[in-house]
């Protein structure tokens, strides 16, 4: 039976992703079949996990996914693995108000699946006080078991010894001691890490991280803490496929698409046909729906504006078949996109809004969307859960009919959002799942 564990931390920026990659790369090097998951709605970390494990990484979100879907995704993804490692988002107990187990907290996964948590502590600027932090996390929720800690960003052996002695008094196992090392830091940009596909040095980095794990972590003890995963292997369907043959934009500008959505569409019998707008490829005419996912179109606005075969082909496709854009895809469907330097680029013009990165403002959080019309996301009245995460602003919202009414993860009403015209629809909302997949939210 597959065994699993969660790598968590008190907060973002503690080094979870780097340490998770080190563990994944080292265990794979040892010959284990390793799979990974990411709690929450992140896109970028899962691509690094996939590179480290040579297998897709799935997202697991207790707020956005109904429990049966969550069980199916975890069970299906972990079925062929020896070890399944989940990296938590933000802090271990961070989430939104809601019923127990449905708050979007990494701790929800630990409690539901009885998985141990390895807590990564950034101990720069503190010493024995790290034990007080560990004690608080270990006792905060009786349903969540903190099985040990990894001390990260240590200044010296003396620094490490002082903290380890305090952990010993607490009875908390220290499973790793990692010194400060700027050479293993992962570069970031405005939505998080620079994408895995942009790192030509990624294989070498993963080798170095595997070396680090062998030297600085007690991998045998970490493996010994892992617990059996008990979840159904039926993957479930988060969102009905928008067509039988789906043209999926897929390149450096359009890379934010969830593995569980694609898996569910294929399971439902749909074919997914990738194409590259950056290579000036139009949606394949054999397809009956087109999906433009999120990504970084603002970094490629010039080439996209010059991709006339793509833009003309998209316009022709949209005349007879549905096209939907999420976040970055929504920006490209609009009239213009202003890049960070203030240069305005013509986009598809299939919707009338404009987007700007010269006037940035962070929009971040869970969203629940109620569709106002039939679209590739579902029929009118369909309720979906997902998230919004972008820095783009909308200088001109345009005159298209709205796609959906939104509310945030706390139930606050955000009003109408997105746009739709003819067979074209889009919004900044990233869909994760229908609110019900055979059952209502619990």
Protein backbone atom coordinates (compact mmCIF):
# COMPACT_ATOMS: atom_id res chain seq x y z
CA UNK A 1 0.00 0.00 0.00
CA UNK A 2 1.20 3.51 -0.84
CA UNK A 3 2.42 5.52 2.11
CA UNK A 4 2.23 9.27 2.36
CA UNK A 5 3.21 12.36 4.32
CA UNK A 6 2.80 16.13 4.23
CA UNK A 7 5.60 18.70 4.24
CA UNK A 8 4.24 21.83 5.90
CA UNK A 9 5.42 25.00 7.60
CA UNK A 10 4.17 27.81 9.85
CA UNK A 11 4.12 30.25 6.92
CA UNK A 12 5.02 30.86 3.29
CA UNK A 13 8.68 31.47 2.60
CA UNK A 14 9.94 28.83 5.03
CA UNK A 15 11.58 26.75 2.31
CA UNK A 16 8.86 24.10 1.83
CA UNK A 17 9.16 23.89 -1.94
CA UNK A 18 12.94 23.57 -2.00
CA UNK A 19 12.89 20.90 0.70
CA UNK A 20 9.99 19.06 -0.92
CA UNK A 21 11.90 18.96 -4.21
CA UNK A 22 14.99 17.71 -2.38
CA UNK A 23 13.00 14.88 -0.77
CA UNK A 24 11.26 13.94 -4.04
CA UNK A 25 14.48 13.94 -6.07
CA UNK A 26 16.41 11.94 -3.47
CA UNK A 27 13.72 9.30 -3.05
CA UNK A 28 13.36 8.90 -6.79
CA UNK A 29 17.13 8.53 -7.08
CA UNK A 30 16.87 5.68 -4.57
CA UNK A 31 14.59 3.87 -7.01
CA UNK A 32 11.26 4.52 -5.32
CA UNK A 33 8.12 5.28 -7.32
CA UNK A 34 7.41 8.80 -6.04
CA UNK A 35 4.34 10.94 -6.68
CA UNK A 36 3.52 14.40 -5.39
CA UNK A 37 0.55 16.58 -4.54
CA UNK A 38 0.14 20.25 -3.70
CA UNK A 39 -2.48 21.53 -1.30
CA UNK A 40 -4.44 24.49 -2.57
CA UNK A 41 -4.80 26.05 -6.03
CA UNK A 42 -1.14 26.56 -6.98
CA UNK A 43 0.01 25.92 -10.57
CA UNK A 44 3.75 26.61 -10.45
CA UNK A 45 5.01 24.33 -7.66
CA UNK A 46 3.28 21.27 -9.19
CA UNK A 47 5.32 21.70 -12.38
CA UNK A 48 8.52 21.45 -10.32
CA UNK A 49 7.13 18.42 -8.49
CA UNK A 50 6.33 16.79 -11.83
CA UNK A 51 9.90 17.36 -13.01
CA UNK A 52 11.29 15.84 -9.80
CA UNK A 53 9.07 12.74 -9.95
CA UNK A 54 8.65 12.31 -13.74
CA UNK A 55 4.89 12.08 -13.13
CA UNK A 56 2.03 14.61 -13.00
CA UNK A 57 1.45 16.39 -9.70
CA UNK A 58 -2.14 16.84 -8.54
CA UNK A 59 -3.74 19.66 -6.56
CA UNK A 60 -5.72 18.73 -3.44
CA UNK A 61 -8.03 21.43 -2.12
CA UNK A 62 -10.45 20.77 0.73
CA UNK A 63 -12.43 23.99 0.12
CA UNK A 64 -12.83 23.82 -3.65
CA UNK A 65 -13.20 20.05 -4.05
CA UNK A 66 -16.11 18.00 -2.71
CA UNK A 67 -14.85 15.22 -0.41
CA UNK A 68 -15.53 12.37 -2.83
CA UNK A 69 -13.62 14.15 -5.59
CA UNK A 70 -10.74 14.86 -3.22
CA UNK A 71 -10.64 11.18 -2.24
CA UNK A 72 -10.69 10.07 -5.86
CA UNK A 73 -7.91 12.40 -6.99
CA UNK A 74 -5.63 11.35 -4.13
CA UNK A 75 -6.43 7.65 -4.50
CA UNK A 76 -5.90 7.62 -8.25
CA UNK A 77 -2.70 9.69 -8.14
CA UNK A 78 -1.11 7.64 -5.37
CA UNK A 79 -2.16 4.17 -6.56
CA UNK A 80 1.04 3.32 -8.44
CA UNK A 81 3.45 5.01 -6.01
CA UNK A 82 5.61 3.75 -3.19
CA UNK A 83 5.51 7.15 -1.48
CA UNK A 84 3.21 10.15 -1.98
CA UNK A 85 4.43 13.53 -0.72
CA UNK A 86 2.08 16.51 -0.36
CA UNK A 87 3.53 20.01 -0.12
CA UNK A 88 1.31 22.34 1.85
CA UNK A 89 0.42 25.86 0.80
CA UNK A 90 1.07 28.84 3.07
CA UNK A 91 0.91 27.92 6.76
CA UNK A 92 -0.31 24.50 7.87
CA UNK A 93 -3.50 25.85 9.46
CA UNK A 94 -4.16 28.71 7.02
CA UNK A 95 -7.52 28.62 5.24
CA UNK A 96 -10.96 30.24 5.20
CA UNK A 97 -13.94 29.98 7.56
CA UNK A 98 -16.18 27.01 6.94
CA UNK A 99 -17.20 23.57 8.12
CA UNK A 100 -14.51 21.42 9.71
CA UNK A 101 -12.46 19.70 7.05
CA UNK A 102 -13.63 22.08 4.27
CA UNK A 103 -11.55 25.16 5.06
CA UNK A 104 -8.83 24.82 2.42
CA UNK A 105 -6.21 24.22 5.09
CA UNK A 106 -3.32 21.80 4.49
CA UNK A 107 -4.19 20.53 7.96
CA UNK A 108 -7.57 19.37 6.57
CA UNK A 109 -5.72 16.85 4.40
CA UNK A 110 -3.57 15.70 7.32
CA UNK A 111 -6.67 15.08 9.43
CA UNK A 112 -8.83 13.48 6.71
CA UNK A 113 -6.17 11.01 5.56
CA UNK A 114 -4.30 10.57 8.86
CA UNK A 115 -1.06 11.66 7.23
CA UNK A 116 1.90 12.81 9.35
CA UNK A 117 3.25 16.32 8.92
CA UNK A 118 6.95 17.08 8.63
CA UNK A 119 7.21 20.72 9.74
CA UNK A 120 9.80 22.92 8.02
CA UNK A 121 11.00 25.66 10.36
CA UNK A 122 12.91 28.68 9.09
CA UNK A 123 15.06 29.17 12.18
CA UNK A 124 17.04 32.17 10.96
CA UNK A 125 16.89 34.80 13.67
CA UNK A 126 15.87 32.42 16.47
CA UNK A 127 17.22 29.51 18.47
CA UNK A 128 15.48 27.55 21.24
CA UNK A 129 12.28 29.49 20.59
CA UNK A 130 11.83 27.25 17.55
CA UNK A 131 10.79 24.51 19.99
CA UNK A 132 7.92 26.70 21.21
CA UNK A 133 6.73 27.09 17.62
CA UNK A 134 6.93 23.32 17.12
CA UNK A 135 5.03 22.70 20.35
CA UNK A 136 2.25 25.05 19.29
CA UNK A 137 1.81 23.36 15.92
CA UNK A 138 2.01 19.88 17.45
CA UNK A 139 -0.78 20.59 19.95
CA UNK A 140 -3.00 22.98 17.98
CA UNK A 141 -5.28 20.29 16.52
CA UNK A 142 -5.44 16.78 18.04
CA UNK A 143 -6.40 15.38 14.62
CA UNK A 144 -3.12 16.61 13.08
CA UNK A 145 0.10 14.76 13.95
CA UNK A 146 3.39 16.62 13.59
CA UNK A 147 5.87 13.76 13.24
CA UNK A 148 9.06 15.79 13.20
CA UNK A 149 10.75 18.98 12.11
CA UNK A 150 13.35 20.04 9.57
CA UNK A 151 15.47 22.96 10.70
CA UNK A 152 16.08 25.24 7.72
CA UNK A 153 18.49 28.16 7.19
CA UNK A 154 20.77 27.30 10.07
CA UNK A 155 23.64 29.68 10.69
CA UNK A 156 26.17 27.27 12.19
CA UNK A 157 26.53 23.85 13.87
CA UNK A 158 26.26 25.59 17.24
CA UNK A 159 22.99 27.17 16.14
CA UNK A 160 21.68 23.74 15.12
CA UNK A 161 22.80 22.04 18.33
CA UNK A 162 21.01 24.59 20.52
CA UNK A 163 17.71 24.12 18.70
CA UNK A 164 18.05 20.35 18.59
CA UNK A 165 18.55 20.22 22.36
CA UNK A 166 15.35 22.22 22.86
CA UNK A 167 13.49 19.89 20.49
CA UNK A 168 14.79 16.87 22.44
CA UNK A 169 13.29 18.28 25.66
CA UNK A 170 10.00 18.56 23.78
CA UNK A 171 10.31 15.01 22.41
CA UNK A 172 10.12 16.33 18.84
CA UNK A 173 12.29 14.44 16.32
CA UNK A 174 14.64 16.56 14.23
CA UNK A 175 14.61 14.98 10.77
CA UNK A 176 16.92 17.40 9.02
CA UNK A 177 19.38 20.25 9.51
CA UNK A 178 19.85 22.51 6.48
CA UNK A 179 22.34 25.39 6.48
CA UNK A 180 21.74 28.72 4.79
CA UNK A 181 22.58 28.35 1.11
CA UNK A 182 21.58 31.00 -1.41
CA UNK A 183 22.61 28.75 -4.32
CA UNK A 184 19.59 26.46 -3.84
CA UNK A 185 17.03 29.28 -3.72
CA UNK A 186 14.42 29.18 -6.49
CA UNK A 187 13.96 32.47 -8.40
CA UNK A 188 10.56 34.15 -8.27
CA UNK A 189 8.39 36.53 -10.24
CA UNK A 190 5.03 38.16 -9.52
CA UNK A 191 2.89 34.98 -9.40
CA UNK A 192 5.46 32.89 -7.55
CA UNK A 193 8.42 30.88 -8.75
CA UNK A 194 9.79 31.18 -12.26
CA UNK A 195 8.18 28.28 -14.13
CA UNK A 196 9.91 24.91 -14.26
CA UNK A 197 9.79 24.92 -18.07
CA UNK A 198 11.93 28.08 -18.09
CA UNK A 199 14.73 26.54 -16.02
CA UNK A 200 17.31 25.05 -18.39
CA UNK A 201 19.32 24.11 -15.32
CA UNK A 202 16.47 22.22 -13.63
CA UNK A 203 17.96 18.69 -13.96
CA UNK A 204 21.19 19.91 -12.41
CA UNK A 205 19.32 21.71 -9.65
CA UNK A 206 17.34 18.59 -8.82
CA UNK A 207 20.58 16.60 -8.64
CA UNK A 208 22.03 19.14 -6.21
CA UNK A 209 18.86 19.06 -4.13
CA UNK A 210 18.98 15.25 -4.02
CA UNK A 211 22.57 15.51 -2.79
CA UNK A 212 21.46 18.01 -0.17
CA UNK A 213 18.70 15.68 1.03
CA UNK A 214 21.11 12.77 1.42
CA UNK A 215 23.54 14.94 3.36
CA UNK A 216 21.23 17.06 5.51
CA UNK A 217 18.02 15.03 5.97
CA UNK A 218 17.37 11.72 7.69
CA UNK A 219 15.52 10.23 4.73
CA UNK A 220 15.14 6.83 6.37
CA UNK A 221 13.45 8.41 9.38
CA UNK A 222 11.24 10.53 7.12
CA UNK A 223 10.14 7.43 5.21
CA UNK A 224 9.51 5.61 8.47
CA UNK A 225 7.04 8.32 9.52
CA UNK A 226 4.92 7.95 6.36
CA UNK A 227 1.45 6.46 6.87
CA UNK A 228 -0.72 4.28 4.57
CA UNK A 229 -2.99 6.22 2.22
CA UNK A 230 -6.56 4.99 2.24
CA UNK A 231 -8.66 6.64 -0.48
CA UNK A 232 -10.80 5.45 -3.35
CA UNK A 233 -9.00 5.09 -6.67
CA UNK A 234 -11.93 6.41 -8.74
CA UNK A 235 -10.63 9.76 -10.07
CA UNK A 236 -14.01 11.52 -10.34
CA UNK A 237 -15.02 14.35 -12.64
CA UNK A 238 -14.39 17.88 -11.40
CA UNK A 239 -15.80 19.63 -14.46
CA UNK A 240 -17.57 18.19 -17.52
CA UNK A 241 -15.42 18.39 -20.66
CA UNK A 242 -16.30 21.42 -22.82
CA UNK A 243 -16.26 19.25 -25.93
CA UNK A 244 -15.40 15.87 -27.37
CA UNK A 245 -12.15 17.15 -28.92
CA UNK A 246 -10.70 20.05 -26.95
CA UNK A 247 -8.09 22.39 -28.43
CA UNK A 248 -5.87 23.33 -25.48
CA UNK A 249 -3.45 26.27 -25.76
CA UNK A 250 -0.21 24.97 -24.29
CA UNK A 251 3.13 26.79 -24.24
CA UNK A 252 5.09 29.26 -22.10
CA UNK A 253 2.22 31.78 -22.26
CA UNK A 254 -0.53 29.26 -21.47
CA UNK A 255 0.59 26.72 -18.90
CA UNK A 256 -1.77 26.98 -15.93
CA UNK A 257 -4.09 24.01 -16.24
CA UNK A 258 -4.91 21.51 -13.50
CA UNK A 259 -3.88 17.88 -13.93
CA UNK A 260 -7.14 16.70 -12.35
CA UNK A 261 -9.24 18.59 -14.91
CA UNK A 262 -7.38 17.07 -17.86
CA UNK A 263 -7.49 13.64 -16.27
CA UNK A 264 -11.23 13.94 -15.66
CA UNK A 265 -11.90 15.06 -19.23
CA UNK A 266 -9.94 12.14 -20.62
CA UNK A 267 -11.71 9.78 -18.23
CA UNK A 268 -15.02 11.10 -19.63
CA UNK A 269 -13.88 10.19 -23.15
CA UNK A 270 -12.66 13.58 -24.42
CA UNK A 271 -9.54 14.02 -26.55
CA UNK A 272 -7.25 16.92 -25.67
CA UNK A 273 -5.29 18.38 -28.59
CA UNK A 274 -2.56 20.87 -27.58
CA UNK A 275 -1.51 23.75 -29.79
CA UNK A 276 0.91 26.66 -29.31
CA UNK A 277 -0.21 30.25 -29.86
CA UNK A 278 3.42 31.37 -29.43
CA UNK A 279 4.33 29.16 -32.39
CA UNK A 280 1.52 30.94 -34.29
CA UNK A 281 -0.62 27.80 -34.38
CA UNK A 282 -4.41 28.22 -34.63
CA UNK A 283 -6.80 25.94 -32.74
CA UNK A 284 -6.95 22.65 -34.69
CA UNK A 285 -10.06 22.79 -36.90
CA UNK A 286 -10.90 19.17 -36.03
CA UNK A 287 -11.75 20.25 -32.45
CA UNK A 288 -15.18 21.27 -31.22
CA UNK A 289 -14.11 23.48 -28.27
CA UNK A 290 -11.10 25.66 -27.44
CA UNK A 291 -9.67 26.27 -23.97
CA UNK A 292 -7.17 29.07 -23.29
CA UNK A 293 -5.76 28.51 -19.79
CA UNK A 294 -3.92 30.97 -17.62
CA UNK A 295 -0.20 31.63 -17.71
CA UNK A 296 2.04 34.58 -18.49
CA UNK A 297 0.71 36.22 -21.67
CA UNK A 298 1.97 39.57 -20.38
CA UNK A 299 5.55 38.32 -20.83
CA UNK A 300 4.80 37.35 -24.44
CA UNK A 301 2.35 40.06 -25.48
CA UNK A 302 4.41 41.17 -28.50
CA UNK A 303 4.77 37.70 -30.06
CA UNK A 304 1.10 36.95 -29.35
CA UNK A 305 0.00 40.18 -31.04
CA UNK A 306 2.14 39.24 -34.06
CA UNK A 307 0.77 35.68 -34.21
CA UNK A 308 -1.73 36.40 -36.97
CA UNK A 309 -2.38 32.74 -37.88
CA UNK A 310 -3.30 32.09 -34.25
CA UNK A 311 -5.49 35.19 -33.88
CA UNK A 312 -7.25 34.77 -37.22
CA UNK A 313 -7.70 31.05 -36.61
CA UNK A 314 -9.11 31.70 -33.15
CA UNK A 315 -11.62 34.18 -34.60
CA UNK A 316 -12.71 31.70 -37.26
CA UNK A 317 -13.00 28.93 -34.67
CA UNK A 318 -15.12 31.10 -32.35
CA UNK A 319 -17.63 31.79 -35.11
CA UNK A 320 -18.96 28.23 -34.88
CA UNK A 321 -17.53 26.63 -31.73
CA UNK A 322 -17.14 27.63 -28.07
CA UNK A 323 -13.96 29.28 -26.80
CA UNK A 324 -13.23 29.87 -23.13
CA UNK A 325 -10.34 31.72 -21.50
CA UNK A 326 -9.20 31.63 -17.86
CA UNK A 327 -7.18 34.54 -16.45
CA UNK A 328 -4.32 34.84 -18.97
CA UNK A 329 -6.54 33.30 -21.63
CA UNK A 330 -9.22 35.84 -20.73
CA UNK A 331 -6.72 38.67 -21.26
CA UNK A 332 -5.83 37.37 -24.72
CA UNK A 333 -9.51 37.16 -25.69
CA UNK A 334 -9.86 40.89 -24.88
CA UNK A 335 -9.21 43.91 -27.08
CA UNK A 336 -5.72 44.90 -25.85
CA UNK A 337 -3.08 43.95 -23.30
CA UNK A 338 -0.76 46.59 -21.85
CA UNK A 339 2.53 45.11 -20.69
CA UNK A 340 4.59 46.19 -17.67
CA UNK A 341 6.54 48.69 -19.78
CA UNK A 342 3.32 50.44 -20.77
CA UNK A 343 3.27 49.15 -24.36
CA UNK A 344 -0.22 48.26 -25.59
CA UNK A 345 -0.62 45.17 -27.76
CA UNK A 346 -3.64 44.18 -29.83
CA UNK A 347 -5.22 40.91 -28.72
CA UNK A 348 -7.98 38.74 -30.23
CA UNK A 349 -10.81 41.23 -29.68
CA UNK A 350 -13.37 38.47 -29.22
CA UNK A 351 -14.32 40.18 -25.95
CA UNK A 352 -14.26 43.94 -25.43
CA UNK A 353 -12.32 44.43 -22.17
CA UNK A 354 -8.73 45.62 -21.91
CA UNK A 355 -6.00 44.44 -19.52
CA UNK A 356 -2.97 46.19 -18.06
CA UNK A 357 0.17 45.18 -16.19
CA UNK A 358 1.48 48.72 -16.14
CA UNK A 359 -1.19 49.48 -13.51
CA UNK A 360 -0.89 46.40 -11.32
CA UNK A 361 -3.08 45.37 -8.41
CA UNK A 362 -3.09 41.98 -6.73
CA UNK A 363 -6.35 40.02 -6.83
CA UNK A 364 -6.04 36.85 -4.79
CA UNK A 365 -8.37 34.38 -3.13
CA UNK A 366 -10.93 31.63 -3.34
CA UNK A 367 -13.97 32.28 -5.50
CA UNK A 368 -17.39 30.67 -5.91
CA UNK A 369 -18.94 31.38 -9.29
CA UNK A 370 -22.59 31.07 -10.33
CA UNK A 371 -22.82 30.98 -14.14
CA UNK A 372 -25.29 33.37 -15.74
CA UNK A 373 -25.55 31.54 -19.08
CA UNK A 374 -24.64 28.28 -20.78
CA UNK A 375 -20.86 28.23 -21.34
CA UNK A 376 -18.06 25.65 -21.67
CA UNK A 377 -17.87 25.73 -17.86
CA UNK A 378 -21.45 24.47 -17.53
CA UNK A 379 -25.05 25.50 -17.90
CA UNK A 380 -26.71 28.61 -16.50
CA UNK A 381 -27.04 28.35 -12.73
CA UNK A 382 -24.07 25.99 -12.36
CA UNK A 383 -22.03 26.78 -9.25
CA UNK A 384 -18.28 26.22 -9.32
CA UNK A 385 -15.46 26.74 -6.90
CA UNK A 386 -12.00 27.96 -7.81
CA UNK A 387 -9.70 30.89 -7.25
CA UNK A 388 -8.39 34.14 -8.64
CA UNK A 389 -4.71 35.12 -8.62
CA UNK A 390 -3.42 37.87 -10.88
CA UNK A 391 -1.92 41.35 -10.92
CA UNK A 392 -3.67 42.58 -14.05
CA UNK A 393 -6.11 45.46 -13.92
CA UNK A 394 -8.97 46.17 -16.32
CA UNK A 395 -8.83 49.82 -17.44
CA UNK A 396 -11.89 49.27 -19.65
CA UNK A 397 -14.29 46.48 -18.57
CA UNK A 398 -15.95 46.55 -22.00
CA UNK A 399 -19.60 46.02 -22.78
CA UNK A 400 -20.02 42.24 -22.90
CA UNK A 401 -22.59 40.41 -20.79
CA UNK A 402 -21.08 39.08 -17.54
CA UNK A 403 -20.13 35.43 -17.26
CA UNK A 404 -20.91 34.81 -13.59
CA UNK A 405 -21.69 36.23 -10.19
CA UNK A 406 -18.78 35.76 -7.80
CA UNK A 407 -18.36 35.55 -4.07
CA UNK A 408 -15.18 35.07 -2.09
CA UNK A 409 -14.20 32.19 0.18
CA UNK A 410 -15.87 33.88 3.14
CA UNK A 411 -19.18 34.27 1.33
CA UNK A 412 -18.72 37.96 0.54
CA UNK A 413 -20.48 38.98 -2.67
CA UNK A 414 -18.14 40.34 -5.35
CA UNK A 415 -20.73 40.97 -8.04
CA UNK A 416 -20.71 40.12 -11.77
CA UNK A 417 -17.44 39.13 -13.39
CA UNK A 418 -15.99 38.04 -16.71
CA UNK A 419 -17.58 38.40 -20.09
CA UNK A 420 -19.39 36.45 -22.79
CA UNK A 421 -20.25 37.24 -26.37
CA UNK A 422 -21.62 34.70 -28.81
CA UNK A 423 -19.71 31.45 -28.25
CA UNK A 424 -16.82 33.18 -26.46
CA UNK A 425 -16.49 33.46 -22.68
CA UNK A 426 -13.77 34.26 -20.19
CA UNK A 427 -12.90 35.57 -16.74
CA UNK A 428 -10.04 35.79 -14.26
CA UNK A 429 -11.68 32.92 -12.36
CA UNK A 430 -9.82 29.58 -12.46
CA UNK A 431 -12.31 26.72 -12.08
CA UNK A 432 -11.30 23.83 -9.83
CA UNK A 433 -14.57 21.89 -9.45
CA UNK A 434 -18.32 21.97 -9.44
CA UNK A 435 -19.53 22.62 -5.90
CA UNK A 436 -21.24 19.24 -5.98
CA UNK A 437 -19.81 16.07 -7.47
CA UNK A 438 -22.54 13.73 -6.43
CA UNK A 439 -22.87 15.48 -3.08
CA UNK A 440 -23.17 19.02 -1.68
CA UNK A 441 -20.29 20.76 0.11
CA UNK A 442 -19.96 19.43 3.67
